[in-house]
Amino acid sequence: MKLILTWLLAACALLAVAYIYPGVQVQSFTSALIAAAVIGLFNAVLRPILVVLTLPVTLVTLGLFLFVINALLFWAAASVLDGFHVNGFLAALLGSLIYSALMLVVNAAVRSVLAR
């Protein structure tokens, strides 16, 4: 139940990012659902590998390089999907920051709702 609720709210967060920031476009809710699943899959599979491979750079930049990794994964998800588009790296960086902030709220809300 938690996974499905988080997935649906992640798609809504992705639609909110597209509404807030014009550098990110999502065609429909179905595209947002697929994009949220792909972003989640990339974060679960590719992100740990990239974090380990770029650990020296991450340490030198005091963790700021993690924002670059998030943006690259956000951009990669947009490049493999048709209904989800990001206008370049800067748009991916800003879009991933907004999406991450919204997902913090979503995860806190899901935890509080399901804890009852």
PDB file of N, CA and C in Angstrom:
ATOM      1  N   MET A   1       0.822  -1.192   0.000  1.00  0.00           N
ATOM      2  CA  MET A   1       0.000   0.000   0.000  1.00  0.00           C
ATOM      3  C   MET A   1       0.872   1.265   0.000  1.00  0.00           C
ATOM      4  N   LYS A   2       1.930   1.240   0.829  1.00  0.00           N
ATOM      5  CA  LYS A   2       2.814   2.400   0.921  1.00  0.00           C
ATOM      6  C   LYS A   2       3.490   2.681  -0.414  1.00  0.00           C
ATOM      7  N   LEU A   3       3.929   1.626  -1.097  1.00  0.00           N
ATOM      8  CA  LEU A   3       4.619   1.785  -2.378  1.00  0.00           C
ATOM      9  C   LEU A   3       3.693   2.396  -3.430  1.00  0.00           C
ATOM     10  N   ILE A   4       2.477   1.913  -3.512  1.00  0.00           N
ATOM     11  CA  ILE A   4       1.525   2.432  -4.507  1.00  0.00           C
ATOM     12  C   ILE A   4       1.167   3.885  -4.214  1.00  0.00           C
ATOM     13  N   LEU A   5       0.934   4.196  -2.939  1.00  0.00           N
ATOM     14  CA  LEU A   5       0.603   5.569  -2.562  1.00  0.00           C
ATOM     15  C   LEU A   5       1.769   6.513  -2.853  1.00  0.00           C
ATOM     16  N   THR A   6       2.983   6.079  -2.531  1.00  0.00           N
ATOM     17  CA  THR A   6       4.168   6.901  -2.805  1.00  0.00           C
ATOM     18  C   THR A   6       4.357   7.098  -4.301  1.00  0.00           C
ATOM     19  N   TRP A   7       4.120   6.048  -5.085  1.00  0.00           N
ATOM     20  CA  TRP A   7       4.263   6.134  -6.537  1.00  0.00           C
ATOM     21  C   TRP A   7       3.258   7.122  -7.128  1.00  0.00           C
ATOM     22  N   LEU A   8       1.997   7.045  -6.686  1.00  0.00           N
ATOM     23  CA  LEU A   8       0.976   7.972  -7.188  1.00  0.00           C
ATOM     24  C   LEU A   8       1.305   9.412  -6.802  1.00  0.00           C
ATOM     25  N   LEU A   9       1.745   9.608  -5.576  1.00  0.00           N
ATOM     26  CA  LEU A   9       2.099  10.959  -5.139  1.00  0.00           C
ATOM     27  C   LEU A   9       3.385  11.455  -5.791  1.00  0.00           C
ATOM     28  N   ALA A  10       4.299  10.546  -6.134  1.00  0.00           N
ATOM     29  CA  ALA A  10       5.499  10.944  -6.865  1.00  0.00           C
ATOM     30  C   ALA A  10       5.139  11.428  -8.261  1.00  0.00           C
ATOM     31  N   ALA A  11       4.165  10.775  -8.879  1.00  0.00           N
ATOM     32  CA  ALA A  11       3.696  11.230 -10.189  1.00  0.00           C
ATOM     33  C   ALA A  11       3.050  12.611 -10.068  1.00  0.00           C
ATOM     34  N   CYS A  12       2.285  12.825  -9.009  1.00  0.00           N
ATOM     35  CA  CYS A  12       1.692  14.146  -8.780  1.00  0.00           C
ATOM     36  C   CYS A  12       2.774  15.197  -8.540  1.00  0.00           C
ATOM     37  N   ALA A  13       3.822  14.815  -7.803  1.00  0.00           N
ATOM     38  CA  ALA A  13       4.940  15.736  -7.571  1.00  0.00           C
ATOM     39  C   ALA A  13       5.641  16.083  -8.876  1.00  0.00           C
ATOM     40  N   LEU A  14       5.763  15.109  -9.761  1.00  0.00           N
ATOM     41  CA  LEU A  14       6.385  15.358 -11.061  1.00  0.00           C
ATOM     42  C   LEU A  14       5.537  16.306 -11.901  1.00  0.00           C
ATOM     43  N   LEU A  15       4.223  16.136 -11.833  1.00  0.00           N
ATOM     44  CA  LEU A  15       3.329  17.077 -12.522  1.00  0.00           C
ATOM     45  C   LEU A  15       3.440  18.477 -11.909  1.00  0.00           C
ATOM     46  N   ALA A  16       3.618  18.539 -10.594  1.00  0.00           N
ATOM     47  CA  ALA A  16       3.786  19.838  -9.933  1.00  0.00           C
ATOM     48  C   ALA A  16       5.087  20.503 -10.365  1.00  0.00           C
ATOM     49  N   VAL A  17       6.145  19.717 -10.523  1.00  0.00           N
ATOM     50  CA  VAL A  17       7.419  20.269 -11.007  1.00  0.00           C
ATOM     51  C   VAL A  17       7.228  20.858 -12.392  1.00  0.00           C
ATOM     52  N   ALA A  18       6.515  20.140 -13.256  1.00  0.00           N
ATOM     53  CA  ALA A  18       6.271  20.640 -14.614  1.00  0.00           C
ATOM     54  C   ALA A  18       5.418  21.904 -14.593  1.00  0.00           C
ATOM     55  N   TYR A  19       4.521  22.012 -13.623  1.00  0.00           N
ATOM     56  CA  TYR A  19       3.679  23.202 -13.509  1.00  0.00           C
ATOM     57  C   TYR A  19       4.480  24.386 -12.956  1.00  0.00           C
ATOM     58  N   ILE A  20       5.343  24.121 -11.992  1.00  0.00           N
ATOM     59  CA  ILE A  20       6.123  25.180 -11.340  1.00  0.00           C
ATOM     60  C   ILE A  20       7.256  25.676 -12.227  1.00  0.00           C
ATOM     61  N   TYR A  21       7.952  24.747 -12.871  1.00  0.00           N
ATOM     62  CA  TYR A  21       9.164  25.096 -13.610  1.00  0.00           C
ATOM     63  C   TYR A  21       8.996  24.743 -15.087  1.00  0.00           C
ATOM     64  N   PRO A  22       9.087  25.726 -15.979  1.00  0.00           N
ATOM     65  CA  PRO A  22       8.838  25.474 -17.408  1.00  0.00           C
ATOM     66  C   PRO A  22       9.939  24.668 -18.118  1.00  0.00           C
ATOM     67  N   GLY A  23      11.055  24.414 -17.465  1.00  0.00           N
ATOM     68  CA  GLY A  23      12.118  23.624 -18.081  1.00  0.00           C
ATOM     69  C   GLY A  23      11.839  22.126 -18.085  1.00  0.00           C
ATOM     70  N   VAL A  24      10.790  21.732 -17.391  1.00  0.00           N
ATOM     71  CA  VAL A  24      10.389  20.323 -17.311  1.00  0.00           C
ATOM     72  C   VAL A  24       8.972  20.211 -17.859  1.00  0.00           C
ATOM     73  N   GLN A  25       8.769  19.294 -18.807  1.00  0.00           N
ATOM     74  CA  GLN A  25       7.437  19.082 -19.384  1.00  0.00           C
ATOM     75  C   GLN A  25       7.011  17.630 -19.195  1.00  0.00           C
ATOM     76  N   VAL A  26       5.764  17.460 -18.792  1.00  0.00           N
ATOM     77  CA  VAL A  26       5.155  16.139 -18.667  1.00  0.00           C
ATOM     78  C   VAL A  26       3.844  16.200 -19.424  1.00  0.00           C
ATOM     79  N   GLN A  27       3.638  15.251 -20.361  1.00  0.00           N
ATOM     80  CA  GLN A  27       2.462  15.301 -21.227  1.00  0.00           C
ATOM     81  C   GLN A  27       1.171  14.916 -20.526  1.00  0.00           C
ATOM     82  N   SER A  28       1.200  13.890 -19.680  1.00  0.00           N
ATOM     83  CA  SER A  28      -0.037  13.403 -19.067  1.00  0.00           C
ATOM     84  C   SER A  28       0.281  12.749 -17.732  1.00  0.00           C
ATOM     85  N   PHE A  29      -0.787  12.381 -17.013  1.00  0.00           N
ATOM     86  CA  PHE A  29      -0.590  11.698 -15.742  1.00  0.00           C
ATOM     87  C   PHE A  29       0.023  10.321 -15.962  1.00  0.00           C
ATOM     88  N   THR A  30      -0.332   9.666 -17.054  1.00  0.00           N
ATOM     89  CA  THR A  30       0.263   8.361 -17.373  1.00  0.00           C
ATOM     90  C   THR A  30       1.766   8.505 -17.606  1.00  0.00           C
ATOM     91  N   SER A  31       2.157   9.544 -18.327  1.00  0.00           N
ATOM     92  CA  SER A  31       3.586   9.807 -18.529  1.00  0.00           C
ATOM     93  C   SER A  31       4.276  10.095 -17.200  1.00  0.00           C
ATOM     94  N   ALA A  32       3.591  10.804 -16.310  1.00  0.00           N
ATOM     95  CA  ALA A  32       4.151  11.104 -14.996  1.00  0.00           C
ATOM     96  C   ALA A  32       4.311   9.829 -14.166  1.00  0.00           C
ATOM     97  N   LEU A  33       3.343   8.915 -14.259  1.00  0.00           N
ATOM     98  CA  LEU A  33       3.450   7.635 -13.549  1.00  0.00           C
ATOM     99  C   LEU A  33       4.658   6.836 -14.031  1.00  0.00           C
ATOM    100  N   ILE A  34       4.817   6.765 -15.345  1.00  0.00           N
ATOM    101  CA  ILE A  34       5.947   6.021 -15.911  1.00  0.00           C
ATOM    102  C   ILE A  34       7.265   6.702 -15.546  1.00  0.00           C
ATOM    103  N   ALA A  35       7.302   8.025 -15.635  1.00  0.00           N
ATOM    104  CA  ALA A  35       8.522   8.759 -15.303  1.00  0.00           C
ATOM    105  C   ALA A  35       8.874   8.607 -13.823  1.00  0.00           C
ATOM    106  N   ALA A  36       7.884   8.632 -12.950  1.00  0.00           N
ATOM    107  CA  ALA A  36       8.147   8.451 -11.522  1.00  0.00           C
ATOM    108  C   ALA A  36       8.710   7.058 -11.252  1.00  0.00           C
ATOM    109  N   ALA A  37       8.196   6.056 -11.952  1.00  0.00           N
ATOM    110  CA  ALA A  37       8.718   4.692 -11.793  1.00  0.00           C
ATOM    111  C   ALA A  37      10.150   4.595 -12.297  1.00  0.00           C
ATOM    112  N   VAL A  38      10.438   5.215 -13.434  1.00  0.00           N
ATOM    113  CA  VAL A  38      11.798   5.166 -13.991  1.00  0.00           C
ATOM    114  C   VAL A  38      12.772   5.936 -13.100  1.00  0.00           C
ATOM    115  N   ILE A  39      12.368   7.095 -12.599  1.00  0.00           N
ATOM    116  CA  ILE A  39      13.233   7.861 -11.695  1.00  0.00           C
ATOM    117  C   ILE A  39      13.502   7.053 -10.430  1.00  0.00           C
ATOM    118  N   GLY A  40      12.472   6.416  -9.892  1.00  0.00           N
ATOM    119  CA  GLY A  40      12.655   5.566  -8.716  1.00  0.00           C
ATOM    120  C   GLY A  40      13.576   4.392  -8.990  1.00  0.00           C
ATOM    121  N   LEU A  41      13.430   3.783 -10.154  1.00  0.00           N
ATOM    122  CA  LEU A  41      14.293   2.662 -10.534  1.00  0.00           C
ATOM    123  C   LEU A  41      15.740   3.116 -10.694  1.00  0.00           C
ATOM    124  N   PHE A  42      15.945   4.244 -11.362  1.00  0.00           N
ATOM    125  CA  PHE A  42      17.298   4.783 -11.524  1.00  0.00           C
ATOM    126  C   PHE A  42      17.918   5.114 -10.162  1.00  0.00           C
ATOM    127  N   ASN A  43      17.115   5.700  -9.261  1.00  0.00           N
ATOM    128  CA  ASN A  43      17.633   6.041  -7.937  1.00  0.00           C
ATOM    129  C   ASN A  43      17.968   4.800  -7.120  1.00  0.00           C
ATOM    130  N   ALA A  44      17.228   3.718  -7.335  1.00  0.00           N
ATOM    131  CA  ALA A  44      17.490   2.488  -6.583  1.00  0.00           C
ATOM    132  C   ALA A  44      18.669   1.704  -7.142  1.00  0.00           C
ATOM    133  N   VAL A  45      18.856   1.729  -8.457  1.00  0.00           N
ATOM    134  CA  VAL A  45      19.880   0.892  -9.083  1.00  0.00           C
ATOM    135  C   VAL A  45      21.149   1.680  -9.427  1.00  0.00           C
ATOM    136  N   LEU A  46      21.006   2.773 -10.147  1.00  0.00           N
ATOM    137  CA  LEU A  46      22.179   3.496 -10.644  1.00  0.00           C
ATOM    138  C   LEU A  46      22.804   4.451  -9.627  1.00  0.00           C
ATOM    139  N   ARG A  47      21.985   5.081  -8.805  1.00  0.00           N
ATOM    140  CA  ARG A  47      22.497   6.090  -7.881  1.00  0.00           C
ATOM    141  C   ARG A  47      23.559   5.537  -6.936  1.00  0.00           C
ATOM    142  N   PRO A  48      23.358   4.379  -6.286  1.00  0.00           N
ATOM    143  CA  PRO A  48      24.418   3.878  -5.400  1.00  0.00           C
ATOM    144  C   PRO A  48      25.739   3.611  -6.133  1.00  0.00           C
ATOM    145  N   ILE A  49      25.648   3.135  -7.355  1.00  0.00           N
ATOM    146  CA  ILE A  49      26.863   2.887  -8.134  1.00  0.00           C
ATOM    147  C   ILE A  49      27.579   4.194  -8.444  1.00  0.00           C
ATOM    148  N   LEU A  50      26.817   5.204  -8.861  1.00  0.00           N
ATOM    149  CA  LEU A  50      27.417   6.501  -9.175  1.00  0.00           C
ATOM    150  C   LEU A  50      27.993   7.175  -7.932  1.00  0.00           C
ATOM    151  N   VAL A  51      27.332   7.025  -6.805  1.00  0.00           N
ATOM    152  CA  VAL A  51      27.840   7.627  -5.566  1.00  0.00           C
ATOM    153  C   VAL A  51      29.182   7.010  -5.186  1.00  0.00           C
ATOM    154  N   VAL A  52      29.289   5.701  -5.306  1.00  0.00           N
ATOM    155  CA  VAL A  52      30.558   5.044  -4.982  1.00  0.00           C
ATOM    156  C   VAL A  52      31.650   5.428  -5.979  1.00  0.00           C
ATOM    157  N   LEU A  53      31.321   5.468  -7.263  1.00  0.00           N
ATOM    158  CA  LEU A  53      32.323   5.799  -8.282  1.00  0.00           C
ATOM    159  C   LEU A  53      32.811   7.241  -8.173  1.00  0.00           C
ATOM    160  N   THR A  54      31.961   8.135  -7.708  1.00  0.00           N
ATOM    161  CA  THR A  54      32.328   9.555  -7.627  1.00  0.00           C
ATOM    162  C   THR A  54      32.612   9.991  -6.197  1.00  0.00           C
ATOM    163  N   LEU A  55      32.890   9.057  -5.316  1.00  0.00           N
ATOM    164  CA  LEU A  55      33.125   9.386  -3.918  1.00  0.00           C
ATOM    165  C   LEU A  55      34.245  10.409  -3.710  1.00  0.00           C
ATOM    166  N   PRO A  56      35.389  10.309  -4.394  1.00  0.00           N
ATOM    167  CA  PRO A  56      36.418  11.342  -4.190  1.00  0.00           C
ATOM    168  C   PRO A  56      35.934  12.757  -4.558  1.00  0.00           C
ATOM    169  N   VAL A  57      35.222  12.863  -5.660  1.00  0.00           N
ATOM    170  CA  VAL A  57      34.702  14.181  -6.067  1.00  0.00           C
ATOM    171  C   VAL A  57      33.667  14.670  -5.069  1.00  0.00           C
ATOM    172  N   THR A  58      32.846  13.760  -4.582  1.00  0.00           N
ATOM    173  CA  THR A  58      31.821  14.125  -3.604  1.00  0.00           C
ATOM    174  C   THR A  58      32.464  14.610  -2.309  1.00  0.00           C
ATOM    175  N   LEU A  59      33.520  13.963  -1.884  1.00  0.00           N
ATOM    176  CA  LEU A  59      34.203  14.395  -0.667  1.00  0.00           C
ATOM    177  C   LEU A  59      34.870  15.757  -0.840  1.00  0.00           C
ATOM    178  N   VAL A  60      35.488  15.983  -2.000  1.00  0.00           N
ATOM    179  CA  VAL A  60      36.155  17.263  -2.254  1.00  0.00           C
ATOM    180  C   VAL A  60      35.140  18.409  -2.301  1.00  0.00           C
ATOM    181  N   THR A  61      33.965  18.139  -2.859  1.00  0.00           N
ATOM    182  CA  THR A  61      32.937  19.181  -2.965  1.00  0.00           C
ATOM    183  C   THR A  61      32.012  19.210  -1.747  1.00  0.00           C
ATOM    184  N   LEU A  62      32.376  18.457  -0.710  1.00  0.00           N
ATOM    185  CA  LEU A  62      31.598  18.398   0.536  1.00  0.00           C
ATOM    186  C   LEU A  62      30.154  17.955   0.301  1.00  0.00           C
ATOM    187  N   GLY A  63      29.970  17.043  -0.620  1.00  0.00           N
ATOM    188  CA  GLY A  63      28.651  16.474  -0.873  1.00  0.00           C
ATOM    189  C   GLY A  63      27.840  17.176  -1.940  1.00  0.00           C
ATOM    190  N   LEU A  64      28.302  18.300  -2.421  1.00  0.00           N
ATOM    191  CA  LEU A  64      27.527  19.044  -3.424  1.00  0.00           C
ATOM    192  C   LEU A  64      27.437  18.310  -4.753  1.00  0.00           C
ATOM    193  N   PHE A  65      28.365  17.404  -5.020  1.00  0.00           N
ATOM    194  CA  PHE A  65      28.320  16.655  -6.274  1.00  0.00           C
ATOM    195  C   PHE A  65      27.121  15.710  -6.322  1.00  0.00           C
ATOM    196  N   LEU A  66      26.535  15.408  -5.173  1.00  0.00           N
ATOM    197  CA  LEU A  66      25.323  14.579  -5.149  1.00  0.00           C
ATOM    198  C   LEU A  66      24.169  15.257  -5.888  1.00  0.00           C
ATOM    199  N   PHE A  67      24.140  16.578  -5.875  1.00  0.00           N
ATOM    200  CA  PHE A  67      23.133  17.306  -6.652  1.00  0.00           C
ATOM    201  C   PHE A  67      23.318  17.054  -8.143  1.00  0.00           C
ATOM    202  N   VAL A  68      24.557  16.973  -8.570  1.00  0.00           N
ATOM    203  CA  VAL A  68      24.858  16.690  -9.977  1.00  0.00           C
ATOM    204  C   VAL A  68      24.406  15.273 -10.335  1.00  0.00           C
ATOM    205  N   ILE A  69      24.649  14.328  -9.448  1.00  0.00           N
ATOM    206  CA  ILE A  69      24.209  12.955  -9.691  1.00  0.00           C
ATOM    207  C   ILE A  69      22.685  12.888  -9.801  1.00  0.00           C
ATOM    208  N   ASN A  70      21.989  13.577  -8.899  1.00  0.00           N
ATOM    209  CA  ASN A  70      20.519  13.608  -8.967  1.00  0.00           C
ATOM    210  C   ASN A  70      20.044  14.210 -10.278  1.00  0.00           C
ATOM    211  N   ALA A  71      20.686  15.291 -10.694  1.00  0.00           N
ATOM    212  CA  ALA A  71      20.296  15.938 -11.948  1.00  0.00           C
ATOM    213  C   ALA A  71      20.559  15.029 -13.141  1.00  0.00           C
ATOM    214  N   LEU A  72      21.685  14.325 -13.132  1.00  0.00           N
ATOM    215  CA  LEU A  72      21.994  13.410 -14.236  1.00  0.00           C
ATOM    216  C   LEU A  72      20.974  12.273 -14.321  1.00  0.00           C
ATOM    217  N   LEU A  73      20.545  11.750 -13.188  1.00  0.00           N
ATOM    218  CA  LEU A  73      19.544  10.680 -13.192  1.00  0.00           C
ATOM    219  C   LEU A  73      18.186  11.205 -13.650  1.00  0.00           C
ATOM    220  N   PHE A  74      17.840  12.418 -13.230  1.00  0.00           N
ATOM    221  CA  PHE A  74      16.588  13.054 -13.658  1.00  0.00           C
ATOM    222  C   PHE A  74      16.605  13.268 -15.172  1.00  0.00           C
ATOM    223  N   TRP A  75      17.733  13.741 -15.669  1.00  0.00           N
ATOM    224  CA  TRP A  75      17.910  13.987 -17.104  1.00  0.00           C
ATOM    225  C   TRP A  75      17.914  12.677 -17.885  1.00  0.00           C
ATOM    226  N   ALA A  76      18.547  11.652 -17.326  1.00  0.00           N
ATOM    227  CA  ALA A  76      18.577  10.342 -17.988  1.00  0.00           C
ATOM    228  C   ALA A  76      17.176   9.751 -18.094  1.00  0.00           C
ATOM    229  N   ALA A  77      16.376   9.913 -17.057  1.00  0.00           N
ATOM    230  CA  ALA A  77      14.996   9.418 -17.109  1.00  0.00           C
ATOM    231  C   ALA A  77      14.224  10.125 -18.203  1.00  0.00           C
ATOM    232  N   ALA A  78      14.443  11.421 -18.345  1.00  0.00           N
ATOM    233  CA  ALA A  78      13.756  12.177 -19.394  1.00  0.00           C
ATOM    234  C   ALA A  78      14.228  11.770 -20.781  1.00  0.00           C
ATOM    235  N   SER A  79      15.477  11.354 -20.887  1.00  0.00           N
ATOM    236  CA  SER A  79      15.991  11.000 -22.210  1.00  0.00           C
ATOM    237  C   SER A  79      15.487   9.645 -22.694  1.00  0.00           C
ATOM    238  N   VAL A  80      15.085   8.761 -21.797  1.00  0.00           N
ATOM    239  CA  VAL A  80      14.601   7.448 -22.222  1.00  0.00           C
ATOM    240  C   VAL A  80      13.084   7.380 -22.349  1.00  0.00           C
ATOM    241  N   LEU A  81      12.382   8.449 -21.973  1.00  0.00           N
ATOM    242  CA  LEU A  81      10.917   8.456 -22.018  1.00  0.00           C
ATOM    243  C   LEU A  81      10.402   9.453 -23.046  1.00  0.00           C
ATOM    244  N   ASP A  82       9.231   9.167 -23.586  1.00  0.00           N
ATOM    245  CA  ASP A  82       8.647  10.054 -24.592  1.00  0.00           C
ATOM    246  C   ASP A  82       7.818  11.186 -23.990  1.00  0.00           C
ATOM    247  N   GLY A  83       7.024  10.936 -22.980  1.00  0.00           N
ATOM    248  CA  GLY A  83       6.125  11.949 -22.455  1.00  0.00           C
ATOM    249  C   GLY A  83       6.721  12.826 -21.387  1.00  0.00           C
ATOM    250  N   PHE A  84       8.015  12.703 -21.139  1.00  0.00           N
ATOM    251  CA  PHE A  84       8.714  13.453 -20.096  1.00  0.00           C
ATOM    252  C   PHE A  84       9.945  14.078 -20.719  1.00  0.00           C
ATOM    253  N   HIS A  85      10.054  15.422 -20.644  1.00  0.00           N
ATOM    254  CA  HIS A  85      11.148  16.122 -21.311  1.00  0.00           C
ATOM    255  C   HIS A  85      11.757  17.158 -20.370  1.00  0.00           C
ATOM    256  N   VAL A  86      13.087  17.240 -20.405  1.00  0.00           N
ATOM    257  CA  VAL A  86      13.831  18.225 -19.625  1.00  0.00           C
ATOM    258  C   VAL A  86      14.718  18.999 -20.581  1.00  0.00           C
ATOM    259  N   ASN A  87      14.689  20.333 -20.482  1.00  0.00           N
ATOM    260  CA  ASN A  87      15.432  21.207 -21.398  1.00  0.00           C
ATOM    261  C   ASN A  87      16.865  21.450 -20.930  1.00  0.00           C
ATOM    262  N   GLY A  88      17.715  20.442 -20.964  1.00  0.00           N
ATOM    263  CA  GLY A  88      19.122  20.620 -20.654  1.00  0.00           C
ATOM    264  C   GLY A  88      19.480  20.313 -19.216  1.00  0.00           C
ATOM    265  N   PHE A  89      20.790  20.431 -18.925  1.00  0.00           N
ATOM    266  CA  PHE A  89      21.290  20.048 -17.609  1.00  0.00           C
ATOM    267  C   PHE A  89      20.829  20.993 -16.512  1.00  0.00           C
ATOM    268  N   LEU A  90      20.840  22.293 -16.759  1.00  0.00           N
ATOM    269  CA  LEU A  90      20.416  23.248 -15.741  1.00  0.00           C
ATOM    270  C   LEU A  90      18.948  23.028 -15.369  1.00  0.00           C
ATOM    271  N   ALA A  91      18.125  22.755 -16.378  1.00  0.00           N
ATOM    272  CA  ALA A  91      16.724  22.451 -16.103  1.00  0.00           C
ATOM    273  C   ALA A  91      16.598  21.160 -15.304  1.00  0.00           C
ATOM    274  N   ALA A  92      17.459  20.188 -15.593  1.00  0.00           N
ATOM    275  CA  ALA A  92      17.451  18.936 -14.837  1.00  0.00           C
ATOM    276  C   ALA A  92      17.872  19.182 -13.394  1.00  0.00           C
ATOM    277  N   LEU A  93      18.850  20.051 -13.201  1.00  0.00           N
ATOM    278  CA  LEU A  93      19.304  20.367 -11.846  1.00  0.00           C
ATOM    279  C   LEU A  93      18.199  21.037 -11.037  1.00  0.00           C
ATOM    280  N   LEU A  94      17.589  22.065 -11.615  1.00  0.00           N
ATOM    281  CA  LEU A  94      16.514  22.758 -10.895  1.00  0.00           C
ATOM    282  C   LEU A  94      15.284  21.864 -10.728  1.00  0.00           C
ATOM    283  N   GLY A  95      14.950  21.116 -11.763  1.00  0.00           N
ATOM    284  CA  GLY A  95      13.810  20.205 -11.677  1.00  0.00           C
ATOM    285  C   GLY A  95      14.021  19.123 -10.628  1.00  0.00           C
ATOM    286  N   SER A  96      15.236  18.582 -10.549  1.00  0.00           N
ATOM    287  CA  SER A  96      15.503  17.542  -9.556  1.00  0.00           C
ATOM    288  C   SER A  96      15.497  18.109  -8.139  1.00  0.00           C
ATOM    289  N   LEU A  97      15.922  19.350  -7.978  1.00  0.00           N
ATOM    290  CA  LEU A  97      15.859  19.983  -6.653  1.00  0.00           C
ATOM    291  C   LEU A  97      14.418  20.180  -6.204  1.00  0.00           C
ATOM    292  N   ILE A  98      13.579  20.668  -7.106  1.00  0.00           N
ATOM    293  CA  ILE A  98      12.168  20.858  -6.779  1.00  0.00           C
ATOM    294  C   ILE A  98      11.508  19.513  -6.502  1.00  0.00           C
ATOM    295  N   TYR A  99      11.798  18.518  -7.351  1.00  0.00           N
ATOM    296  CA  TYR A  99      11.223  17.183  -7.182  1.00  0.00           C
ATOM    297  C   TYR A  99      11.670  16.565  -5.856  1.00  0.00           C
ATOM    298  N   SER A 100      12.928  16.729  -5.494  1.00  0.00           N
ATOM    299  CA  SER A 100      13.427  16.191  -4.224  1.00  0.00           C
ATOM    300  C   SER A 100      12.729  16.842  -3.037  1.00  0.00           C
ATOM    301  N   ALA A 101      12.539  18.159  -3.100  1.00  0.00           N
ATOM    302  CA  ALA A 101      11.841  18.856  -2.018  1.00  0.00           C
ATOM    303  C   ALA A 101      10.400  18.375  -1.891  1.00  0.00           C
ATOM    304  N   LEU A 102       9.732  18.216  -3.020  1.00  0.00           N
ATOM    305  CA  LEU A 102       8.354  17.722  -2.985  1.00  0.00           C
ATOM    306  C   LEU A 102       8.288  16.284  -2.479  1.00  0.00           C
ATOM    307  N   MET A 103       9.270  15.467  -2.844  1.00  0.00           N
ATOM    308  CA  MET A 103       9.277  14.081  -2.392  1.00  0.00           C
ATOM    309  C   MET A 103       9.561  13.969  -0.884  1.00  0.00           C
ATOM    310  N   LEU A 104      10.283  14.924  -0.314  1.00  0.00           N
ATOM    311  CA  LEU A 104      10.443  14.959   1.142  1.00  0.00           C
ATOM    312  C   LEU A 104       9.089  15.127   1.819  1.00  0.00           C
ATOM    313  N   VAL A 105       8.276  16.027   1.278  1.00  0.00           N
ATOM    314  CA  VAL A 105       6.938  16.259   1.812  1.00  0.00           C
ATOM    315  C   VAL A 105       6.068  15.020   1.611  1.00  0.00           C
ATOM    316  N   VAL A 106       6.139  14.419   0.428  1.00  0.00           N
ATOM    317  CA  VAL A 106       5.342  13.224   0.125  1.00  0.00           C
ATOM    318  C   VAL A 106       5.705  12.089   1.076  1.00  0.00           C
ATOM    319  N   ASN A 107       6.984  11.829   1.262  1.00  0.00           N
ATOM    320  CA  ASN A 107       7.398  10.737   2.139  1.00  0.00           C
ATOM    321  C   ASN A 107       6.988  10.973   3.587  1.00  0.00           C
ATOM    322  N   ALA A 108       7.072  12.208   4.042  1.00  0.00           N
ATOM    323  CA  ALA A 108       6.637  12.524   5.412  1.00  0.00           C
ATOM    324  C   ALA A 108       5.137  12.339   5.550  1.00  0.00           C
ATOM    325  N   ALA A 109       4.381  12.749   4.528  1.00  0.00           N
ATOM    326  CA  ALA A 109       2.924  12.598   4.579  1.00  0.00           C
ATOM    327  C   ALA A 109       2.518  11.125   4.545  1.00  0.00           C
ATOM    328  N   VAL A 110       3.166  10.339   3.711  1.00  0.00           N
ATOM    329  CA  VAL A 110       2.842   8.914   3.631  1.00  0.00           C
ATOM    330  C   VAL A 110       3.167   8.226   4.946  1.00  0.00           C
ATOM    331  N   ARG A 111       4.295   8.570   5.558  1.00  0.00           N
ATOM    332  CA  ARG A 111       4.649   7.975   6.853  1.00  0.00           C
ATOM    333  C   ARG A 111       3.613   8.329   7.919  1.00  0.00           C
ATOM    334  N   SER A 112       3.181   9.575   7.939  1.00  0.00           N
ATOM    335  CA  SER A 112       2.227   9.985   8.985  1.00  0.00           C
ATOM    336  C   SER A 112       0.844   9.381   8.753  1.00  0.00           C
ATOM    337  N   VAL A 113       0.431   9.233   7.504  1.00  0.00           N
ATOM    338  CA  VAL A 113      -0.884   8.662   7.207  1.00  0.00           C
ATOM    339  C   VAL A 113      -0.905   7.173   7.519  1.00  0.00           C
ATOM    340  N   LEU A 114       0.139   6.467   7.136  1.00  0.00           N
ATOM    341  CA  LEU A 114       0.153   5.026   7.340  1.00  0.00           C
ATOM    342  C   LEU A 114       0.530   4.628   8.766  1.00  0.00           C
ATOM    343  N   ALA A 115       1.030   5.575   9.555  1.00  0.00           N
ATOM    344  CA  ALA A 115       1.370   5.277  10.940  1.00  0.00           C
ATOM    345  C   ALA A 115       0.117   5.210  11.824  1.00  0.00           C
ATOM    346  N   ARG A 116      -0.982   5.725  11.338  1.00  0.00           N
ATOM    347  CA  ARG A 116      -2.216   5.740  12.147  1.00  0.00           C
ATOM    348  C   ARG A 116      -2.872   4.420  12.184  1.00  0.00           C
TER     349      ARG A 116
END
